[in-house]
Amino acid sequence: MAMHGFEGSIAVGANAVGAVQSWSYSESADVVEYSSMGDVNKNYATGSVGGSGSGTALLTKADAGQGDLTTGSSVTLNLYTEGEATGDYELTGTVVITGVDRGADKGDMASFSFNFSGVLTEGTAS
């Protein structure tokens, strides 16, 4: 069944990140060629799998979830698409926060965004 992202959310451990606007996550695998002289076709093997992503929220004072997202920290990250109720779709795992940005624009709300590296596991909220 397709999921609507409007109930999406982010949590760092048990702390929800407030005012989430969006998140994204991508995985990729290294590919190693192991062809030998005389092989007509190239041969490939899967190497290491990696993941990375980002999140954006409205900057919120004293937000525990946003406060947990500091550059260089290792955190348990939970990404949700349809809410956090038992059985809802979830991506979770330990990641390293690789960068944090904060910004303001006179015509918009102040923003908070972060980047991370680490492989997340698909599952359901419990």
PDB file of N, CA and C in Angstrom:
ATOM      1  N   MET A   1       0.845  -1.167   0.000  1.00  0.00           N
ATOM      2  CA  MET A   1       0.000   0.000   0.000  1.00  0.00           C
ATOM      3  C   MET A   1       0.896   1.237   0.000  1.00  0.00           C
ATOM      4  N   ALA A   2       0.561   2.226  -0.791  1.00  0.00           N
ATOM      5  CA  ALA A   2       1.306   3.486  -0.844  1.00  0.00           C
ATOM      6  C   ALA A   2       1.138   4.244   0.469  1.00  0.00           C
ATOM      7  N   MET A   3       2.173   5.004   0.830  1.00  0.00           N
ATOM      8  CA  MET A   3       2.134   5.766   2.077  1.00  0.00           C
ATOM      9  C   MET A   3       2.218   7.247   1.763  1.00  0.00           C
ATOM     10  N   HIS A   4       1.462   8.027   2.464  1.00  0.00           N
ATOM     11  CA  HIS A   4       1.522   9.484   2.342  1.00  0.00           C
ATOM     12  C   HIS A   4       2.537   9.991   3.352  1.00  0.00           C
ATOM     13  N   GLY A   5       3.393  10.930   2.961  1.00  0.00           N
ATOM     14  CA  GLY A   5       4.443  11.412   3.843  1.00  0.00           C
ATOM     15  C   GLY A   5       4.017  12.475   4.833  1.00  0.00           C
ATOM     16  N   PHE A   6       2.759  12.855   4.824  1.00  0.00           N
ATOM     17  CA  PHE A   6       2.368  13.979   5.662  1.00  0.00           C
ATOM     18  C   PHE A   6       2.417  13.699   7.132  1.00  0.00           C
ATOM     19  N   GLU A   7       2.422  12.458   7.534  1.00  0.00           N
ATOM     20  CA  GLU A   7       2.571  12.110   8.945  1.00  0.00           C
ATOM     21  C   GLU A   7       4.001  11.695   9.271  1.00  0.00           C
ATOM     22  N   GLY A   8       4.924  11.980   8.364  1.00  0.00           N
ATOM     23  CA  GLY A   8       6.317  11.618   8.578  1.00  0.00           C
ATOM     24  C   GLY A   8       6.895  12.317   9.797  1.00  0.00           C
ATOM     25  N   SER A   9       7.862  11.661  10.415  1.00  0.00           N
ATOM     26  CA  SER A   9       8.502  12.240  11.590  1.00  0.00           C
ATOM     27  C   SER A   9       9.890  11.651  11.754  1.00  0.00           C
ATOM     28  N   ILE A  10      10.651  12.263  12.658  1.00  0.00           N
ATOM     29  CA  ILE A  10      12.006  11.828  12.982  1.00  0.00           C
ATOM     30  C   ILE A  10      12.127  11.783  14.498  1.00  0.00           C
ATOM     31  N   ALA A  11      12.799  10.760  14.999  1.00  0.00           N
ATOM     32  CA  ALA A  11      13.111  10.693  16.428  1.00  0.00           C
ATOM     33  C   ALA A  11      14.578  10.316  16.578  1.00  0.00           C
ATOM     34  N   VAL A  12      15.196  10.871  17.611  1.00  0.00           N
ATOM     35  CA  VAL A  12      16.562  10.521  17.987  1.00  0.00           C
ATOM     36  C   VAL A  12      16.429   9.779  19.300  1.00  0.00           C
ATOM     37  N   GLY A  13      16.582   8.433  19.236  1.00  0.00           N
ATOM     38  CA  GLY A  13      16.258   7.633  20.413  1.00  0.00           C
ATOM     39  C   GLY A  13      14.787   7.831  20.723  1.00  0.00           C
ATOM     40  N   ALA A  14      14.482   8.236  21.961  1.00  0.00           N
ATOM     41  CA  ALA A  14      13.092   8.465  22.367  1.00  0.00           C
ATOM     42  C   ALA A  14      12.654   9.908  22.157  1.00  0.00           C
ATOM     43  N   ASN A  15      13.575  10.798  21.748  1.00  0.00           N
ATOM     44  CA  ASN A  15      13.255  12.215  21.589  1.00  0.00           C
ATOM     45  C   ASN A  15      12.800  12.534  20.170  1.00  0.00           C
ATOM     46  N   ALA A  16      11.571  12.990  20.044  1.00  0.00           N
ATOM     47  CA  ALA A  16      11.052  13.402  18.739  1.00  0.00           C
ATOM     48  C   ALA A  16      11.723  14.702  18.316  1.00  0.00           C
ATOM     49  N   VAL A  17      11.971  14.829  17.015  1.00  0.00           N
ATOM     50  CA  VAL A  17      12.453  16.079  16.441  1.00  0.00           C
ATOM     51  C   VAL A  17      11.216  16.886  16.065  1.00  0.00           C
ATOM     52  N   GLY A  18      11.097  18.088  16.604  1.00  0.00           N
ATOM     53  CA  GLY A  18       9.905  18.896  16.376  1.00  0.00           C
ATOM     54  C   GLY A  18       9.899  19.579  15.023  1.00  0.00           C
ATOM     55  N   ALA A  19       8.713  19.844  14.523  1.00  0.00           N
ATOM     56  CA  ALA A  19       8.464  20.648  13.326  1.00  0.00           C
ATOM     57  C   ALA A  19       9.178  20.126  12.079  1.00  0.00           C
ATOM     58  N   VAL A  20       9.182  18.806  11.901  1.00  0.00           N
ATOM     59  CA  VAL A  20       9.847  18.190  10.740  1.00  0.00           C
ATOM     60  C   VAL A  20       9.149  18.613   9.453  1.00  0.00           C
ATOM     61  N   GLN A  21       9.951  18.965   8.452  1.00  0.00           N
ATOM     62  CA  GLN A  21       9.436  19.337   7.138  1.00  0.00           C
ATOM     63  C   GLN A  21       9.681  18.240   6.109  1.00  0.00           C
ATOM     64  N   SER A  22      10.837  17.556   6.214  1.00  0.00           N
ATOM     65  CA  SER A  22      11.141  16.488   5.262  1.00  0.00           C
ATOM     66  C   SER A  22      12.331  15.673   5.757  1.00  0.00           C
ATOM     67  N   TRP A  23      12.464  14.475   5.197  1.00  0.00           N
ATOM     68  CA  TRP A  23      13.667  13.676   5.391  1.00  0.00           C
ATOM     69  C   TRP A  23      13.886  12.822   4.156  1.00  0.00           C
ATOM     70  N   SER A  24      15.138  12.390   3.966  1.00  0.00           N
ATOM     71  CA  SER A  24      15.448  11.497   2.853  1.00  0.00           C
ATOM     72  C   SER A  24      16.534  10.522   3.298  1.00  0.00           C
ATOM     73  N   TYR A  25      16.559   9.368   2.643  1.00  0.00           N
ATOM     74  CA  TYR A  25      17.543   8.333   2.964  1.00  0.00           C
ATOM     75  C   TYR A  25      17.860   7.553   1.693  1.00  0.00           C
ATOM     76  N   SER A  26      19.147   7.304   1.455  1.00  0.00           N
ATOM     77  CA  SER A  26      19.585   6.540   0.284  1.00  0.00           C
ATOM     78  C   SER A  26      20.599   5.493   0.709  1.00  0.00           C
ATOM     79  N   GLU A  27      20.553   4.351   0.056  1.00  0.00           N
ATOM     80  CA  GLU A  27      21.547   3.294   0.261  1.00  0.00           C
ATOM     81  C   GLU A  27      22.252   3.015  -1.046  1.00  0.00           C
ATOM     82  N   SER A  28      23.512   2.602  -0.939  1.00  0.00           N
ATOM     83  CA  SER A  28      24.254   2.190  -2.123  1.00  0.00           C
ATOM     84  C   SER A  28      25.241   1.106  -1.724  1.00  0.00           C
ATOM     85  N   ALA A  29      25.688   0.349  -2.709  1.00  0.00           N
ATOM     86  CA  ALA A  29      26.658  -0.720  -2.476  1.00  0.00           C
ATOM     87  C   ALA A  29      27.874  -0.495  -3.367  1.00  0.00           C
ATOM     88  N   ASP A  30      29.049  -0.714  -2.815  1.00  0.00           N
ATOM     89  CA  ASP A  30      30.259  -0.708  -3.623  1.00  0.00           C
ATOM     90  C   ASP A  30      30.244  -1.936  -4.520  1.00  0.00           C
ATOM     91  N   VAL A  31      30.780  -1.798  -5.704  1.00  0.00           N
ATOM     92  CA  VAL A  31      30.886  -2.916  -6.637  1.00  0.00           C
ATOM     93  C   VAL A  31      32.359  -3.111  -6.953  1.00  0.00           C
ATOM     94  N   VAL A  32      32.811  -4.337  -6.821  1.00  0.00           N
ATOM     95  CA  VAL A  32      34.212  -4.668  -7.053  1.00  0.00           C
ATOM     96  C   VAL A  32      34.310  -5.558  -8.287  1.00  0.00           C
ATOM     97  N   GLU A  33      35.158  -5.180  -9.238  1.00  0.00           N
ATOM     98  CA  GLU A  33      35.369  -6.015 -10.420  1.00  0.00           C
ATOM     99  C   GLU A  33      36.467  -7.027 -10.109  1.00  0.00           C
ATOM    100  N   TYR A  34      36.236  -8.289 -10.469  1.00  0.00           N
ATOM    101  CA  TYR A  34      37.245  -9.320 -10.247  1.00  0.00           C
ATOM    102  C   TYR A  34      37.518 -10.140 -11.516  1.00  0.00           C
ATOM    103  N   SER A  35      37.440  -9.493 -12.667  1.00  0.00           N
ATOM    104  CA  SER A  35      37.695 -10.167 -13.944  1.00  0.00           C
ATOM    105  C   SER A  35      39.178 -10.510 -14.073  1.00  0.00           C
ATOM    106  N   SER A  36      39.446 -11.551 -14.817  1.00  0.00           N
ATOM    107  CA  SER A  36      40.819 -11.981 -15.080  1.00  0.00           C
ATOM    108  C   SER A  36      41.128 -11.828 -16.568  1.00  0.00           C
ATOM    109  N   MET A  37      42.398 -11.825 -16.868  1.00  0.00           N
ATOM    110  CA  MET A  37      42.801 -11.793 -18.279  1.00  0.00           C
ATOM    111  C   MET A  37      42.176 -12.988 -18.982  1.00  0.00           C
ATOM    112  N   GLY A  38      41.659 -12.757 -20.145  1.00  0.00           N
ATOM    113  CA  GLY A  38      41.033 -13.832 -20.910  1.00  0.00           C
ATOM    114  C   GLY A  38      39.524 -13.915 -20.709  1.00  0.00           C
ATOM    115  N   ASP A  39      38.987 -13.281 -19.649  1.00  0.00           N
ATOM    116  CA  ASP A  39      37.537 -13.279 -19.454  1.00  0.00           C
ATOM    117  C   ASP A  39      36.898 -12.433 -20.547  1.00  0.00           C
ATOM    118  N   VAL A  40      35.859 -12.945 -21.185  1.00  0.00           N
ATOM    119  CA  VAL A  40      35.153 -12.198 -22.214  1.00  0.00           C
ATOM    120  C   VAL A  40      34.282 -11.128 -21.567  1.00  0.00           C
ATOM    121  N   ASN A  41      33.651 -11.471 -20.459  1.00  0.00           N
ATOM    122  CA  ASN A  41      32.779 -10.533 -19.745  1.00  0.00           C
ATOM    123  C   ASN A  41      33.404 -10.154 -18.409  1.00  0.00           C
ATOM    124  N   LYS A  42      33.128  -8.963 -17.963  1.00  0.00           N
ATOM    125  CA  LYS A  42      33.590  -8.537 -16.646  1.00  0.00           C
ATOM    126  C   LYS A  42      32.763  -9.237 -15.570  1.00  0.00           C
ATOM    127  N   ASN A  43      33.411  -9.534 -14.459  1.00  0.00           N
ATOM    128  CA  ASN A  43      32.746 -10.149 -13.314  1.00  0.00           C
ATOM    129  C   ASN A  43      32.735  -9.157 -12.160  1.00  0.00           C
ATOM    130  N   TYR A  44      31.629  -9.121 -11.436  1.00  0.00           N
ATOM    131  CA  TYR A  44      31.475  -8.161 -10.355  1.00  0.00           C
ATOM    132  C   TYR A  44      30.987  -8.852  -9.087  1.00  0.00           C
ATOM    133  N   ALA A  45      31.391  -8.289  -7.945  1.00  0.00           N
ATOM    134  CA  ALA A  45      30.907  -8.747  -6.646  1.00  0.00           C
ATOM    135  C   ALA A  45      30.457  -7.519  -5.855  1.00  0.00           C
ATOM    136  N   THR A  46      29.507  -7.732  -4.987  1.00  0.00           N
ATOM    137  CA  THR A  46      29.040  -6.650  -4.130  1.00  0.00           C
ATOM    138  C   THR A  46      30.032  -6.442  -3.005  1.00  0.00           C
ATOM    139  N   GLY A  47      30.359  -5.192  -2.773  1.00  0.00           N
ATOM    140  CA  GLY A  47      31.237  -4.826  -1.665  1.00  0.00           C
ATOM    141  C   GLY A  47      30.420  -4.341  -0.483  1.00  0.00           C
ATOM    142  N   SER A  48      30.920  -3.342   0.193  1.00  0.00           N
ATOM    143  CA  SER A  48      30.255  -2.803   1.376  1.00  0.00           C
ATOM    144  C   SER A  48      29.014  -1.995   1.003  1.00  0.00           C
ATOM    145  N   VAL A  49      28.013  -2.060   1.865  1.00  0.00           N
ATOM    146  CA  VAL A  49      26.789  -1.278   1.707  1.00  0.00           C
ATOM    147  C   VAL A  49      26.869  -0.072   2.630  1.00  0.00           C
ATOM    148  N   GLY A  50      26.447   1.078   2.133  1.00  0.00           N
ATOM    149  CA  GLY A  50      26.445   2.294   2.951  1.00  0.00           C
ATOM    150  C   GLY A  50      25.142   3.031   2.790  1.00  0.00           C
ATOM    151  N   GLY A  51      24.874   3.917   3.720  1.00  0.00           N
ATOM    152  CA  GLY A  51      23.665   4.712   3.656  1.00  0.00           C
ATOM    153  C   GLY A  51      23.948   6.134   4.093  1.00  0.00           C
ATOM    154  N   SER A  52      23.119   7.052   3.616  1.00  0.00           N
ATOM    155  CA  SER A  52      23.235   8.448   4.032  1.00  0.00           C
ATOM    156  C   SER A  52      21.899   9.131   3.827  1.00  0.00           C
ATOM    157  N   GLY A  53      21.740  10.255   4.474  1.00  0.00           N
ATOM    158  CA  GLY A  53      20.488  10.971   4.327  1.00  0.00           C
ATOM    159  C   GLY A  53      20.533  12.325   4.977  1.00  0.00           C
ATOM    160  N   SER A  54      19.341  12.926   5.056  1.00  0.00           N
ATOM    161  CA  SER A  54      19.236  14.259   5.629  1.00  0.00           C
ATOM    162  C   SER A  54      17.826  14.476   6.166  1.00  0.00           C
ATOM    163  N   GLY A  55      17.694  15.491   6.971  1.00  0.00           N
ATOM    164  CA  GLY A  55      16.396  15.884   7.494  1.00  0.00           C
ATOM    165  C   GLY A  55      16.331  17.393   7.612  1.00  0.00           C
ATOM    166  N   THR A  56      15.127  17.935   7.508  1.00  0.00           N
ATOM    167  CA  THR A  56      14.911  19.370   7.629  1.00  0.00           C
ATOM    168  C   THR A  56      13.718  19.609   8.551  1.00  0.00           C
ATOM    169  N   ALA A  57      13.872  20.592   9.424  1.00  0.00           N
ATOM    170  CA  ALA A  57      12.791  20.957  10.347  1.00  0.00           C
ATOM    171  C   ALA A  57      12.795  22.468  10.523  1.00  0.00           C
ATOM    172  N   LEU A  58      11.722  22.985  11.095  1.00  0.00           N
ATOM    173  CA  LEU A  58      11.716  24.378  11.497  1.00  0.00           C
ATOM    174  C   LEU A  58      12.526  24.472  12.779  1.00  0.00           C
ATOM    175  N   LEU A  59      13.398  25.453  12.877  1.00  0.00           N
ATOM    176  CA  LEU A  59      14.241  25.619  14.058  1.00  0.00           C
ATOM    177  C   LEU A  59      13.350  25.917  15.255  1.00  0.00           C
ATOM    178  N   THR A  60      13.486  25.104  16.290  1.00  0.00           N
ATOM    179  CA  THR A  60      12.632  25.214  17.466  1.00  0.00           C
ATOM    180  C   THR A  60      13.501  25.326  18.710  1.00  0.00           C
ATOM    181  N   LYS A  61      13.251  26.339  19.535  1.00  0.00           N
ATOM    182  CA  LYS A  61      14.012  26.506  20.772  1.00  0.00           C
ATOM    183  C   LYS A  61      13.770  25.327  21.704  1.00  0.00           C
ATOM    184  N   ALA A  62      14.812  24.906  22.363  1.00  0.00           N
ATOM    185  CA  ALA A  62      14.743  23.873  23.406  1.00  0.00           C
ATOM    186  C   ALA A  62      14.109  22.572  22.911  1.00  0.00           C
ATOM    187  N   ASP A  63      14.304  22.224  21.650  1.00  0.00           N
ATOM    188  CA  ASP A  63      13.796  20.965  21.103  1.00  0.00           C
ATOM    189  C   ASP A  63      14.813  19.874  21.406  1.00  0.00           C
ATOM    190  N   ALA A  64      14.436  18.888  22.224  1.00  0.00           N
ATOM    191  CA  ALA A  64      15.374  17.842  22.647  1.00  0.00           C
ATOM    192  C   ALA A  64      15.892  17.039  21.464  1.00  0.00           C
ATOM    193  N   GLY A  65      15.027  16.724  20.506  1.00  0.00           N
ATOM    194  CA  GLY A  65      15.444  15.957  19.329  1.00  0.00           C
ATOM    195  C   GLY A  65      16.454  16.721  18.494  1.00  0.00           C
ATOM    196  N   GLN A  66      16.192  17.995  18.232  1.00  0.00           N
ATOM    197  CA  GLN A  66      17.144  18.807  17.483  1.00  0.00           C
ATOM    198  C   GLN A  66      18.441  18.960  18.268  1.00  0.00           C
ATOM    199  N   GLY A  67      18.348  19.079  19.576  1.00  0.00           N
ATOM    200  CA  GLY A  67      19.532  19.203  20.424  1.00  0.00           C
ATOM    201  C   GLY A  67      20.418  17.974  20.399  1.00  0.00           C
ATOM    202  N   ASP A  68      19.829  16.802  20.177  1.00  0.00           N
ATOM    203  CA  ASP A  68      20.596  15.548  20.113  1.00  0.00           C
ATOM    204  C   ASP A  68      21.388  15.415  18.818  1.00  0.00           C
ATOM    205  N   LEU A  69      21.030  16.194  17.801  1.00  0.00           N
ATOM    206  CA  LEU A  69      21.661  16.089  16.488  1.00  0.00           C
ATOM    207  C   LEU A  69      22.830  17.067  16.398  1.00  0.00           C
ATOM    208  N   THR A  70      23.970  16.648  16.916  1.00  0.00           N
ATOM    209  CA  THR A  70      25.169  17.487  16.887  1.00  0.00           C
ATOM    210  C   THR A  70      26.211  16.836  15.980  1.00  0.00           C
ATOM    211  N   THR A  71      26.944  17.661  15.253  1.00  0.00           N
ATOM    212  CA  THR A  71      27.938  17.157  14.310  1.00  0.00           C
ATOM    213  C   THR A  71      28.943  16.264  15.013  1.00  0.00           C
ATOM    214  N   GLY A  72      29.154  15.078  14.454  1.00  0.00           N
ATOM    215  CA  GLY A  72      30.101  14.112  14.997  1.00  0.00           C
ATOM    216  C   GLY A  72      29.500  13.136  15.982  1.00  0.00           C
ATOM    217  N   SER A  73      28.259  13.354  16.393  1.00  0.00           N
ATOM    218  CA  SER A  73      27.654  12.447  17.372  1.00  0.00           C
ATOM    219  C   SER A  73      27.129  11.179  16.695  1.00  0.00           C
ATOM    220  N   SER A  74      27.126  10.095  17.444  1.00  0.00           N
ATOM    221  CA  SER A  74      26.561   8.823  17.011  1.00  0.00           C
ATOM    222  C   SER A  74      25.232   8.664  17.739  1.00  0.00           C
ATOM    223  N   VAL A  75      24.145   8.532  16.973  1.00  0.00           N
ATOM    224  CA  VAL A  75      22.805   8.494  17.566  1.00  0.00           C
ATOM    225  C   VAL A  75      21.985   7.362  16.962  1.00  0.00           C
ATOM    226  N   THR A  76      20.955   6.948  17.680  1.00  0.00           N
ATOM    227  CA  THR A  76      19.956   6.041  17.134  1.00  0.00           C
ATOM    228  C   THR A  76      18.893   6.891  16.466  1.00  0.00           C
ATOM    229  N   LEU A  77      18.785   6.752  15.145  1.00  0.00           N
ATOM    230  CA  LEU A  77      17.865   7.574  14.365  1.00  0.00           C
ATOM    231  C   LEU A  77      16.687   6.729  13.915  1.00  0.00           C
ATOM    232  N   ASN A  78      15.481   7.279  14.055  1.00  0.00           N
ATOM    233  CA  ASN A  78      14.253   6.627  13.620  1.00  0.00           C
ATOM    234  C   ASN A  78      13.542   7.551  12.640  1.00  0.00           C
ATOM    235  N   LEU A  79      13.276   7.061  11.441  1.00  0.00           N
ATOM    236  CA  LEU A  79      12.557   7.820  10.423  1.00  0.00           C
ATOM    237  C   LEU A  79      11.214   7.143  10.174  1.00  0.00           C
ATOM    238  N   TYR A  80      10.148   7.930  10.183  1.00  0.00           N
ATOM    239  CA  TYR A  80       8.799   7.404   9.995  1.00  0.00           C
ATOM    240  C   TYR A  80       8.131   8.107   8.814  1.00  0.00           C
ATOM    241  N   THR A  81       7.312   7.381   8.062  1.00  0.00           N
ATOM    242  CA  THR A  81       6.583   7.988   6.949  1.00  0.00           C
ATOM    243  C   THR A  81       5.113   8.212   7.267  1.00  0.00           C
ATOM    244  N   GLU A  82       4.538   7.350   8.074  1.00  0.00           N
ATOM    245  CA  GLU A  82       3.090   7.392   8.275  1.00  0.00           C
ATOM    246  C   GLU A  82       2.687   7.567   9.725  1.00  0.00           C
ATOM    247  N   GLY A  83       3.604   7.954  10.575  1.00  0.00           N
ATOM    248  CA  GLY A  83       3.332   8.088  11.999  1.00  0.00           C
ATOM    249  C   GLY A  83       4.185   7.119  12.794  1.00  0.00           C
ATOM    250  N   GLU A  84       4.009   7.130  14.106  1.00  0.00           N
ATOM    251  CA  GLU A  84       4.844   6.327  14.991  1.00  0.00           C
ATOM    252  C   GLU A  84       4.056   5.274  15.761  1.00  0.00           C
ATOM    253  N   ALA A  85       2.837   4.988  15.328  1.00  0.00           N
ATOM    254  CA  ALA A  85       2.004   4.001  16.011  1.00  0.00           C
ATOM    255  C   ALA A  85       2.534   2.595  15.741  1.00  0.00           C
ATOM    256  N   THR A  86       2.236   1.681  16.624  1.00  0.00           N
ATOM    257  CA  THR A  86       2.643   0.293  16.466  1.00  0.00           C
ATOM    258  C   THR A  86       2.216  -0.217  15.094  1.00  0.00           C
ATOM    259  N   GLY A  87       3.167  -0.798  14.364  1.00  0.00           N
ATOM    260  CA  GLY A  87       2.897  -1.344  13.043  1.00  0.00           C
ATOM    261  C   GLY A  87       3.179  -0.388  11.900  1.00  0.00           C
ATOM    262  N   ASP A  88       3.415   0.906  12.198  1.00  0.00           N
ATOM    263  CA  ASP A  88       3.727   1.871  11.137  1.00  0.00           C
ATOM    264  C   ASP A  88       5.133   1.634  10.606  1.00  0.00           C
ATOM    265  N   TYR A  89       5.359   1.960   9.346  1.00  0.00           N
ATOM    266  CA  TYR A  89       6.654   1.796   8.676  1.00  0.00           C
ATOM    267  C   TYR A  89       7.726   2.635   9.378  1.00  0.00           C
ATOM    268  N   GLU A  90       8.913   2.023   9.530  1.00  0.00           N
ATOM    269  CA  GLU A  90      10.003   2.690  10.226  1.00  0.00           C
ATOM    270  C   GLU A  90      11.345   2.298   9.615  1.00  0.00           C
ATOM    271  N   LEU A  91      12.255   3.265   9.552  1.00  0.00           N
ATOM    272  CA  LEU A  91      13.658   3.002   9.259  1.00  0.00           C
ATOM    273  C   LEU A  91      14.424   3.375  10.515  1.00  0.00           C
ATOM    274  N   THR A  92      15.303   2.498  10.993  1.00  0.00           N
ATOM    275  CA  THR A  92      16.003   2.781  12.239  1.00  0.00           C
ATOM    276  C   THR A  92      17.421   2.223  12.208  1.00  0.00           C
ATOM    277  N   GLY A  93      18.313   2.871  12.945  1.00  0.00           N
ATOM    278  CA  GLY A  93      19.684   2.396  13.048  1.00  0.00           C
ATOM    279  C   GLY A  93      20.569   3.442  13.698  1.00  0.00           C
ATOM    280  N   THR A  94      21.806   3.056  13.940  1.00  0.00           N
ATOM    281  CA  THR A  94      22.788   3.970  14.506  1.00  0.00           C
ATOM    282  C   THR A  94      23.511   4.674  13.368  1.00  0.00           C
ATOM    283  N   VAL A  95      23.539   5.991  13.430  1.00  0.00           N
ATOM    284  CA  VAL A  95      24.160   6.803  12.388  1.00  0.00           C
ATOM    285  C   VAL A  95      25.107   7.813  13.024  1.00  0.00           C
ATOM    286  N   VAL A  96      25.980   8.370  12.199  1.00  0.00           N
ATOM    287  CA  VAL A  96      26.844   9.464  12.620  1.00  0.00           C
ATOM    288  C   VAL A  96      26.322  10.739  11.965  1.00  0.00           C
ATOM    289  N   ILE A  97      26.128  11.775  12.762  1.00  0.00           N
ATOM    290  CA  ILE A  97      25.677  13.064  12.230  1.00  0.00           C
ATOM    291  C   ILE A  97      26.887  13.745  11.601  1.00  0.00           C
ATOM    292  N   THR A  98      26.835  13.964  10.278  1.00  0.00           N
ATOM    293  CA  THR A  98      27.985  14.494   9.548  1.00  0.00           C
ATOM    294  C   THR A  98      27.924  16.006   9.345  1.00  0.00           C
ATOM    295  N   GLY A  99      26.803  16.626   9.633  1.00  0.00           N
ATOM    296  CA  GLY A  99      26.708  18.073   9.499  1.00  0.00           C
ATOM    297  C   GLY A  99      25.357  18.579   9.963  1.00  0.00           C
ATOM    298  N   VAL A 100      25.360  19.802  10.476  1.00  0.00           N
ATOM    299  CA  VAL A 100      24.133  20.460  10.930  1.00  0.00           C
ATOM    300  C   VAL A 100      24.154  21.888  10.391  1.00  0.00           C
ATOM    301  N   ASP A 101      23.027  22.347   9.863  1.00  0.00           N
ATOM    302  CA  ASP A 101      22.890  23.716   9.370  1.00  0.00           C
ATOM    303  C   ASP A 101      21.687  24.369  10.025  1.00  0.00           C
ATOM    304  N   ARG A 102      21.838  25.633  10.326  1.00  0.00           N
ATOM    305  CA  ARG A 102      20.723  26.436  10.826  1.00  0.00           C
ATOM    306  C   ARG A 102      20.672  27.697   9.976  1.00  0.00           C
ATOM    307  N   GLY A 103      19.474  28.169   9.669  1.00  0.00           N
ATOM    308  CA  GLY A 103      19.381  29.352   8.828  1.00  0.00           C
ATOM    309  C   GLY A 103      18.091  30.108   9.050  1.00  0.00           C
ATOM    310  N   ALA A 104      18.089  31.340   8.589  1.00  0.00           N
ATOM    311  CA  ALA A 104      16.900  32.185   8.677  1.00  0.00           C
ATOM    312  C   ALA A 104      16.817  33.043   7.421  1.00  0.00           C
ATOM    313  N   ASP A 105      15.590  33.331   7.028  1.00  0.00           N
ATOM    314  CA  ASP A 105      15.314  34.168   5.869  1.00  0.00           C
ATOM    315  C   ASP A 105      14.177  35.095   6.270  1.00  0.00           C
ATOM    316  N   LYS A 106      14.262  36.353   5.931  1.00  0.00           N
ATOM    317  CA  LYS A 106      13.250  37.310   6.388  1.00  0.00           C
ATOM    318  C   LYS A 106      11.840  36.967   5.910  1.00  0.00           C
ATOM    319  N   GLY A 107      11.723  36.189   4.831  1.00  0.00           N
ATOM    320  CA  GLY A 107      10.411  35.835   4.318  1.00  0.00           C
ATOM    321  C   GLY A 107       9.968  34.430   4.671  1.00  0.00           C
ATOM    322  N   ASP A 108      10.683  33.773   5.599  1.00  0.00           N
ATOM    323  CA  ASP A 108      10.367  32.378   5.891  1.00  0.00           C
ATOM    324  C   ASP A 108      10.693  32.079   7.345  1.00  0.00           C
ATOM    325  N   MET A 109      10.338  30.901   7.782  1.00  0.00           N
ATOM    326  CA  MET A 109      10.640  30.451   9.140  1.00  0.00           C
ATOM    327  C   MET A 109      12.119  30.046   9.227  1.00  0.00           C
ATOM    328  N   ALA A 110      12.701  30.154  10.416  1.00  0.00           N
ATOM    329  CA  ALA A 110      14.076  29.697  10.632  1.00  0.00           C
ATOM    330  C   ALA A 110      14.122  28.186  10.445  1.00  0.00           C
ATOM    331  N   SER A 111      15.223  27.683   9.870  1.00  0.00           N
ATOM    332  CA  SER A 111      15.304  26.265   9.540  1.00  0.00           C
ATOM    333  C   SER A 111      16.458  25.574  10.260  1.00  0.00           C
ATOM    334  N   PHE A 112      16.312  24.272  10.372  1.00  0.00           N
ATOM    335  CA  PHE A 112      17.305  23.391  10.973  1.00  0.00           C
ATOM    336  C   PHE A 112      17.430  22.191  10.050  1.00  0.00           C
ATOM    337  N   SER A 113      18.635  21.837   9.637  1.00  0.00           N
ATOM    338  CA  SER A 113      18.795  20.652   8.799  1.00  0.00           C
ATOM    339  C   SER A 113      20.042  19.897   9.229  1.00  0.00           C
ATOM    340  N   PHE A 114      20.057  18.601   8.921  1.00  0.00           N
ATOM    341  CA  PHE A 114      21.191  17.766   9.299  1.00  0.00           C
ATOM    342  C   PHE A 114      21.426  16.706   8.244  1.00  0.00           C
ATOM    343  N   ASN A 115      22.657  16.198   8.194  1.00  0.00           N
ATOM    344  CA  ASN A 115      23.053  15.109   7.301  1.00  0.00           C
ATOM    345  C   ASN A 115      23.601  13.980   8.160  1.00  0.00           C
ATOM    346  N   PHE A 116      23.454  12.752   7.661  1.00  0.00           N
ATOM    347  CA  PHE A 116      23.961  11.608   8.425  1.00  0.00           C
ATOM    348  C   PHE A 116      24.490  10.529   7.499  1.00  0.00           C
ATOM    349  N   SER A 117      25.323   9.678   8.072  1.00  0.00           N
ATOM    350  CA  SER A 117      25.827   8.488   7.371  1.00  0.00           C
ATOM    351  C   SER A 117      25.606   7.283   8.259  1.00  0.00           C
ATOM    352  N   GLY A 118      25.113   6.198   7.672  1.00  0.00           N
ATOM    353  CA  GLY A 118      24.862   4.954   8.389  1.00  0.00           C
ATOM    354  C   GLY A 118      23.743   4.194   7.714  1.00  0.00           C
ATOM    355  N   VAL A 119      23.765   2.892   7.856  1.00  0.00           N
ATOM    356  CA  VAL A 119      22.753   2.030   7.244  1.00  0.00           C
ATOM    357  C   VAL A 119      21.572   1.876   8.196  1.00  0.00           C
ATOM    358  N   LEU A 120      20.373   2.093   7.679  1.00  0.00           N
ATOM    359  CA  LEU A 120      19.150   1.938   8.464  1.00  0.00           C
ATOM    360  C   LEU A 120      18.455   0.635   8.054  1.00  0.00           C
ATOM    361  N   THR A 121      17.693   0.091   8.993  1.00  0.00           N
ATOM    362  CA  THR A 121      16.961  -1.149   8.782  1.00  0.00           C
ATOM    363  C   THR A 121      15.477  -0.864   8.669  1.00  0.00           C
ATOM    364  N   GLU A 122      14.821  -1.460   7.669  1.00  0.00           N
ATOM    365  CA  GLU A 122      13.382  -1.319   7.529  1.00  0.00           C
ATOM    366  C   GLU A 122      12.677  -2.191   8.547  1.00  0.00           C
ATOM    367  N   GLY A 123      11.591  -1.670   9.091  1.00  0.00           N
ATOM    368  CA  GLY A 123      10.798  -2.436  10.038  1.00  0.00           C
ATOM    369  C   GLY A 123       9.499  -1.722  10.316  1.00  0.00           C
ATOM    370  N   THR A 124       8.902  -2.052  11.454  1.00  0.00           N
ATOM    371  CA  THR A 124       7.671  -1.402  11.875  1.00  0.00           C
ATOM    372  C   THR A 124       7.850  -0.893  13.305  1.00  0.00           C
ATOM    373  N   ALA A 125       7.199   0.211  13.584  1.00  0.00           N
ATOM    374  CA  ALA A 125       7.257   0.800  14.925  1.00  0.00           C
ATOM    375  C   ALA A 125       6.636  -0.154  15.928  1.00  0.00           C
ATOM    376  N   SER A 126       7.173  -0.126  17.139  1.00  0.00           N
ATOM    377  CA  SER A 126       6.612  -0.996  18.185  1.00  0.00           C
ATOM    378  C   SER A 126       6.177  -0.201  19.385  1.00  0.00           C
TER     379      SER A 126
END
